[in-house]
Amino acid sequence: MTAILLTVAAAFALAPAADASPPTLSAEAVDLSVPGPFSVAYTDLTVSAAGRTYSARVWYPGTTAGTTAGADAPVATGAHPGLAFGHGFFQAITQYEGLLKHYASWGVITVVPKSQGGLFPSHSAFADDLNAGLTWLTAQNTASGSRFASRVDTSRYAVSGHSMGGGAALLAASRNPAVKSVTTLAAAETNPSAITASTALGMPVQYVGGSADSIAGVAGNQQKMYDAKSSGTQLRVITGGFHCGFEDSSGFGCDSGTISRAAQQKLTYAITTSWLLYTLGVDTSLYDQVWGSAAQNLAGVVYSAKP
């Protein structure tokens, strides 16, 4: 653990690097599937920015010792990258608590809108809600009295999401030059088209899917999105992974796969966390886990990439 903490502490001082050129690698690979060095905190609030208002939960790195800092704890010192995460169709944001806590433990402040949760969501409005979350973070960074004042690195923003939320994240990225990285989970085609949006994205984009997904299958969704983006992209398909395996539990209408939920989530945590930290320039020593042999030969994951 000491070695991991030293590696992470050093990494946070590194400058951003959005390209896929290999930097000097650290002597010891960091296991991004396990919790990071920060305690985990959250706050429930109303986001109001860019003409949009909605309820949200924000997960963030806290200062209290231990694995969980809890509600409304102080934010860890330093400036942290920001992420907006979109839930799947008719899914509560609590379905993604494990993943969002994981990101917070690695120092990422994540805004999670509770909007567009009904039977007839607007994908376009959801994309705008994700971008409004990042706009709100920027305002909070300079707001007197905000717990996030001087705690947000506004040069390191990303969007993500599951299923509908993954498609909305791609739409959001196409509309927001502040977004420097995208990672999606079982991203589903949206209206307007997330596939079409992918063609114009200039930032690095990661598509993660499951080979056993029967709801937003790879061939009809993530593969087409990946094919549409010319470079700076990768498709990571978890063998036996299923659509609801990216969530903490399954409900009505969910599918199943040939891999356990725990195994799928462990791979998901490692794949997406390394992507975010590397492409946002937080830790450039993670090149091998993102573009190199470690990524290409990760057991249980089929790797395709256009660096």
Protein backbone atom coordinates (compact mmCIF):
# COMPACT_ATOMS: atom_id res chain seq x y z
CA MET A 1 0.00 0.00 0.00
CA THR A 2 2.86 2.39 0.74
CA ALA A 3 4.20 1.91 -2.79
CA ILE A 4 0.77 2.62 -4.25
CA LEU A 5 0.33 5.80 -2.22
CA LEU A 6 3.74 7.08 -3.27
CA THR A 7 2.99 6.33 -6.91
CA VAL A 8 -0.37 8.12 -6.76
CA ALA A 9 1.03 11.10 -4.88
CA ALA A 10 3.72 11.57 -7.49
CA ALA A 11 1.23 11.09 -10.32
CA PHE A 12 -0.98 13.99 -9.24
CA ALA A 13 1.86 16.40 -9.90
CA LEU A 14 2.20 15.33 -13.54
CA ALA A 15 1.10 17.55 -16.42
CA PRO A 16 -1.85 16.56 -18.68
CA ALA A 17 -1.13 14.36 -21.69
CA ALA A 18 -4.04 13.55 -23.99
CA ASP A 19 -2.14 11.64 -26.67
CA ALA A 20 -1.13 7.99 -26.75
CA SER A 21 2.65 8.42 -26.90
CA PRO A 22 4.41 6.25 -24.31
CA PRO A 23 5.93 8.13 -21.36
CA THR A 24 8.44 6.71 -18.93
CA LEU A 25 6.70 3.89 -17.09
CA SER A 26 6.72 3.46 -13.34
CA ALA A 27 8.64 0.50 -11.99
CA GLU A 28 5.56 -0.97 -10.32
CA ALA A 29 2.11 -1.17 -11.92
CA VAL A 30 -0.74 0.20 -9.83
CA ASP A 31 -3.80 -2.05 -9.38
CA LEU A 32 -6.66 0.25 -10.37
CA SER A 33 -9.29 -2.39 -9.61
CA VAL A 34 -8.89 -1.83 -5.86
CA PRO A 35 -9.88 1.33 -3.95
CA GLY A 36 -7.51 4.27 -4.19
CA PRO A 37 -5.87 6.28 -1.42
CA PHE A 38 -8.71 8.73 -0.72
CA SER A 39 -11.62 8.27 1.64
CA VAL A 40 -15.01 8.50 -0.07
CA ALA A 41 -17.55 11.24 0.55
CA TYR A 42 -20.76 12.45 -1.04
CA THR A 43 -23.29 15.25 -0.92
CA ASP A 44 -26.87 15.51 -2.20
CA LEU A 45 -27.82 18.86 -3.70
CA THR A 46 -29.49 20.75 -6.50
CA VAL A 47 -27.39 21.58 -9.53
CA SER A 48 -28.32 24.81 -11.23
CA ALA A 49 -26.16 25.83 -14.19
CA ALA A 50 -26.33 26.55 -17.93
CA GLY A 51 -30.08 27.05 -17.70
CA ARG A 52 -30.70 23.60 -16.21
CA THR A 53 -31.74 22.59 -12.69
CA TYR A 54 -31.89 19.08 -11.28
CA SER A 55 -31.22 17.00 -8.16
CA ALA A 56 -27.89 15.23 -8.05
CA ARG A 57 -25.46 13.34 -5.87
CA VAL A 58 -21.80 14.27 -6.00
CA TRP A 59 -19.20 11.68 -5.02
CA TYR A 60 -15.76 13.06 -4.16
CA PRO A 61 -12.48 12.35 -2.36
CA GLY A 62 -12.80 13.21 1.31
CA THR A 63 -10.34 13.89 4.11
CA THR A 64 -11.59 11.63 6.88
CA ALA A 65 -9.32 8.63 7.56
CA GLY A 66 -10.66 5.24 6.52
CA THR A 67 -12.49 4.00 3.46
CA THR A 68 -15.67 6.05 3.88
CA ALA A 69 -15.85 9.69 4.93
CA GLY A 70 -19.62 9.84 4.54
CA ALA A 71 -22.06 12.63 3.78
CA ASP A 72 -20.87 16.22 3.49
CA ALA A 73 -17.32 15.54 4.67
CA PRO A 74 -14.59 18.04 3.74
CA VAL A 75 -13.04 17.60 0.29
CA ALA A 76 -9.48 16.33 0.15
CA THR A 77 -6.88 19.04 -0.39
CA GLY A 78 -5.64 19.72 -3.90
CA ALA A 79 -7.40 20.18 -7.23
CA HIS A 80 -9.23 17.08 -8.49
CA PRO A 81 -10.52 16.12 -11.96
CA GLY A 82 -14.25 16.34 -12.61
CA LEU A 83 -16.60 13.78 -14.13
CA ALA A 84 -20.29 13.82 -15.06
CA PHE A 85 -21.90 10.36 -15.06
CA GLY A 86 -25.21 9.41 -16.69
CA HIS A 87 -27.44 6.59 -15.44
CA GLY A 88 -29.12 4.03 -17.67
CA PHE A 89 -32.75 4.06 -18.82
CA PHE A 90 -35.15 3.97 -15.86
CA GLN A 91 -32.26 3.24 -13.49
CA ALA A 92 -31.66 4.89 -10.12
CA ILE A 93 -28.23 6.41 -9.60
CA THR A 94 -27.80 4.15 -6.55
CA GLN A 95 -27.30 1.29 -9.02
CA TYR A 96 -23.83 2.66 -9.75
CA GLU A 97 -22.69 3.41 -6.21
CA GLY A 98 -19.81 0.92 -6.26
CA LEU A 99 -18.28 2.42 -9.39
CA LEU A 100 -18.78 6.03 -8.30
CA LYS A 101 -17.25 5.38 -4.90
CA HIS A 102 -14.33 3.77 -6.66
CA TYR A 103 -13.72 6.86 -8.79
CA ALA A 104 -13.90 9.08 -5.70
CA SER A 105 -11.31 6.90 -3.96
CA TRP A 106 -8.94 7.65 -6.85
CA GLY A 107 -9.52 11.38 -6.55
CA VAL A 108 -12.29 12.06 -9.08
CA ILE A 109 -15.19 14.40 -8.26
CA THR A 110 -18.27 12.96 -9.96
CA VAL A 111 -21.57 14.75 -10.53
CA VAL A 112 -24.44 12.28 -11.02
CA PRO A 113 -27.72 13.81 -12.25
CA LYS A 114 -30.96 12.22 -11.11
CA SER A 115 -32.74 13.76 -14.10
CA GLN A 116 -34.32 12.03 -17.11
CA GLY A 117 -35.31 9.04 -15.01
CA GLY A 118 -38.83 8.51 -16.38
CA LEU A 119 -40.27 6.34 -19.12
CA PHE A 120 -39.82 9.01 -21.80
CA PRO A 121 -36.41 10.60 -21.23
CA SER A 122 -34.87 13.12 -23.58
CA HIS A 123 -31.41 11.95 -24.58
CA SER A 124 -30.49 15.41 -25.78
CA ALA A 125 -31.60 17.01 -22.51
CA PHE A 126 -29.69 14.38 -20.56
CA ALA A 127 -26.53 15.30 -22.48
CA ASP A 128 -27.13 18.94 -21.56
CA ASP A 129 -27.62 17.92 -17.92
CA LEU A 130 -24.24 16.18 -17.92
CA ASN A 131 -22.56 19.27 -19.33
CA ALA A 132 -24.39 21.47 -16.83
CA GLY A 133 -22.86 19.36 -14.08
CA LEU A 134 -19.39 20.24 -15.31
CA THR A 135 -20.37 23.92 -15.67
CA TRP A 136 -21.63 23.81 -12.10
CA LEU A 137 -18.33 22.34 -10.90
CA THR A 138 -16.46 25.19 -12.58
CA ALA A 139 -18.65 27.73 -10.78
CA GLN A 140 -18.23 25.92 -7.46
CA ASN A 141 -14.47 26.05 -7.80
CA THR A 142 -14.52 29.83 -7.37
CA ALA A 143 -17.67 30.16 -5.22
CA SER A 144 -17.03 31.56 -1.75
CA GLY A 145 -18.19 29.11 0.90
CA SER A 146 -18.50 26.13 -1.46
CA ARG A 147 -16.94 22.91 -0.22
CA PHE A 148 -15.51 22.54 -3.75
CA ALA A 149 -13.83 25.98 -3.81
CA SER A 150 -10.27 25.55 -5.11
CA ARG A 151 -10.77 21.78 -5.14
CA VAL A 152 -11.63 21.28 -8.85
CA ASP A 153 -9.13 20.97 -11.67
CA THR A 154 -11.25 22.60 -14.37
CA SER A 155 -8.74 21.61 -17.06
CA ARG A 156 -9.43 17.91 -16.44
CA TYR A 157 -13.06 17.13 -17.21
CA ALA A 158 -14.59 13.88 -18.46
CA VAL A 159 -18.03 12.40 -19.09
CA SER A 160 -19.23 8.83 -18.68
CA GLY A 161 -22.39 6.81 -18.34
CA HIS A 162 -24.10 3.46 -18.68
CA SER A 163 -26.44 2.44 -21.51
CA MET A 164 -28.60 5.49 -22.27
CA GLY A 165 -26.26 7.51 -20.07
CA GLY A 166 -23.29 6.31 -22.09
CA GLY A 167 -24.91 7.47 -25.31
CA ALA A 168 -25.81 10.78 -23.68
CA ALA A 169 -22.19 11.16 -22.56
CA LEU A 170 -21.08 10.96 -26.19
CA LEU A 171 -23.65 13.60 -27.15
CA ALA A 172 -22.45 15.77 -24.26
CA ALA A 173 -18.81 15.47 -25.32
CA SER A 174 -19.70 16.53 -28.87
CA ARG A 175 -21.17 19.77 -27.47
CA ASN A 176 -18.58 20.69 -24.85
CA PRO A 177 -14.96 21.62 -25.60
CA ALA A 178 -14.19 21.42 -21.88
CA VAL A 179 -14.51 17.61 -22.02
CA LYS A 180 -11.06 16.07 -22.36
CA SER A 181 -11.94 12.37 -22.07
CA VAL A 182 -14.89 9.99 -22.38
CA THR A 183 -15.45 6.47 -21.07
CA THR A 184 -18.73 4.61 -21.56
CA LEU A 185 -20.29 1.39 -20.27
CA ALA A 186 -22.56 -0.55 -22.64
CA ALA A 187 -23.33 2.73 -24.41
CA ALA A 188 -26.64 2.57 -26.25
CA GLU A 189 -27.59 4.37 -29.44
CA THR A 190 -29.56 7.54 -28.71
CA ASN A 191 -31.71 10.14 -30.45
CA PRO A 192 -29.87 12.20 -31.66
CA SER A 193 -27.37 9.55 -32.66
CA ALA A 194 -24.44 8.75 -30.36
CA ILE A 195 -22.89 6.87 -33.29
CA THR A 196 -22.93 10.01 -35.40
CA ALA A 197 -21.65 12.08 -32.47
CA SER A 198 -18.68 9.73 -32.16
CA THR A 199 -17.45 10.66 -35.65
CA ALA A 200 -16.65 14.22 -34.59
CA LEU A 201 -15.13 13.64 -31.14
CA GLY A 202 -11.55 14.86 -30.91
CA MET A 203 -10.82 13.78 -27.35
CA PRO A 204 -9.88 10.20 -26.35
CA VAL A 205 -12.96 7.96 -26.14
CA GLN A 206 -13.25 4.52 -24.56
CA TYR A 207 -16.14 2.15 -25.27
CA VAL A 208 -16.56 -0.72 -22.77
CA GLY A 209 -19.07 -3.47 -23.45
CA GLY A 210 -19.97 -7.04 -22.53
CA SER A 211 -19.98 -9.89 -25.02
CA ALA A 212 -23.17 -11.35 -23.51
CA ASP A 213 -25.08 -8.05 -23.43
CA SER A 214 -28.58 -8.74 -24.77
CA ILE A 215 -29.93 -5.21 -24.18
CA ALA A 216 -27.39 -2.88 -25.84
CA GLY A 217 -25.21 -5.44 -27.57
CA VAL A 218 -21.71 -4.63 -28.73
CA ALA A 219 -22.33 -5.24 -32.45
CA GLY A 220 -25.29 -2.89 -32.71
CA ASN A 221 -24.00 -0.19 -30.40
CA GLN A 222 -20.42 0.14 -29.09
CA GLN A 223 -18.82 -1.44 -32.16
CA LYS A 224 -20.55 1.06 -34.44
CA MET A 225 -19.52 3.95 -32.20
CA TYR A 226 -15.93 2.74 -32.13
CA ASP A 227 -15.89 2.27 -35.89
CA ALA A 228 -17.21 5.82 -36.34
CA LYS A 229 -14.31 7.41 -34.45
CA SER A 230 -11.16 7.54 -36.54
CA SER A 231 -8.48 7.64 -33.81
CA GLY A 232 -7.80 8.14 -30.14
CA THR A 233 -10.25 5.42 -29.23
CA GLN A 234 -10.53 1.88 -27.93
CA LEU A 235 -13.16 -0.83 -27.56
CA ARG A 236 -12.82 -3.13 -24.56
CA VAL A 237 -15.24 -6.07 -24.55
CA ILE A 238 -15.50 -8.07 -21.33
CA THR A 239 -15.87 -11.75 -22.22
CA GLY A 240 -19.17 -13.01 -20.81
CA GLY A 241 -20.04 -9.55 -19.53
CA PHE A 242 -23.71 -8.55 -19.46
CA HIS A 243 -25.60 -5.27 -19.60
CA CYS A 244 -26.71 -5.18 -15.99
CA GLY A 245 -23.34 -6.49 -14.84
CA PHE A 246 -22.13 -2.88 -14.90
CA GLU A 247 -24.66 -2.11 -12.16
CA ASP A 248 -24.57 -3.09 -8.49
CA SER A 249 -27.71 -5.25 -8.78
CA SER A 250 -30.19 -6.51 -11.36
CA GLY A 251 -33.86 -5.63 -11.57
CA PHE A 252 -36.81 -6.39 -13.81
CA GLY A 253 -35.85 -6.91 -17.44
CA CYS A 254 -32.15 -7.44 -16.76
CA ASP A 255 -29.98 -9.94 -18.61
CA SER A 256 -27.26 -12.29 -17.41
CA GLY A 257 -23.83 -13.38 -18.59
CA THR A 258 -21.23 -16.09 -18.12
CA ILE A 259 -19.11 -14.00 -15.76
CA SER A 260 -19.99 -13.01 -12.22
CA ARG A 261 -21.01 -9.46 -11.45
CA ALA A 262 -18.06 -9.12 -9.07
CA ALA A 263 -15.59 -10.23 -11.74
CA GLN A 264 -17.14 -7.94 -14.35
CA GLN A 265 -17.04 -4.95 -12.03
CA LYS A 266 -13.45 -5.62 -11.02
CA LEU A 267 -12.43 -5.50 -14.68
CA THR A 268 -14.60 -2.42 -15.26
CA TYR A 269 -13.02 -0.54 -12.34
CA ALA A 270 -9.51 -1.28 -13.61
CA ILE A 271 -10.23 -0.49 -17.27
CA THR A 272 -12.12 2.75 -16.77
CA THR A 273 -10.12 4.17 -13.86
CA SER A 274 -6.81 3.71 -15.66
CA TRP A 275 -8.36 5.34 -18.74
CA LEU A 276 -9.58 8.38 -16.83
CA LEU A 277 -6.38 8.94 -14.86
CA TYR A 278 -4.20 8.51 -17.94
CA THR A 279 -6.17 10.46 -20.54
CA LEU A 280 -6.81 13.32 -18.11
CA GLY A 281 -3.09 13.53 -17.44
CA VAL A 282 -3.36 12.63 -13.76
CA ASP A 283 -0.99 9.66 -14.08
CA THR A 284 0.89 9.25 -17.35
CA SER A 285 2.71 6.17 -16.00
CA LEU A 286 -0.50 4.23 -16.75
CA TYR A 287 0.23 4.13 -20.50
CA ASP A 288 0.82 0.37 -20.49
CA GLN A 289 -2.53 -0.29 -18.78
CA VAL A 290 -4.35 1.86 -21.33
CA TRP A 291 -2.58 1.41 -24.70
CA GLY A 292 0.27 -1.02 -24.08
CA SER A 293 0.80 -4.75 -23.64
CA ALA A 294 -0.89 -4.85 -20.22
CA ALA A 295 -4.10 -3.54 -21.81
CA GLN A 296 -3.82 -5.71 -24.90
CA ASN A 297 -3.29 -8.88 -22.87
CA LEU A 298 -5.64 -8.30 -19.95
CA ALA A 299 -7.31 -11.64 -19.22
CA GLY A 300 -11.04 -11.69 -19.87
CA VAL A 301 -11.10 -8.59 -22.07
CA VAL A 302 -10.92 -8.35 -25.88
CA TYR A 303 -8.94 -5.26 -26.88
CA SER A 304 -9.35 -3.16 -30.03
CA ALA A 305 -7.73 0.23 -30.39
CA LYS A 306 -6.98 3.12 -32.72
CA PRO A 307 -4.46 5.20 -30.72
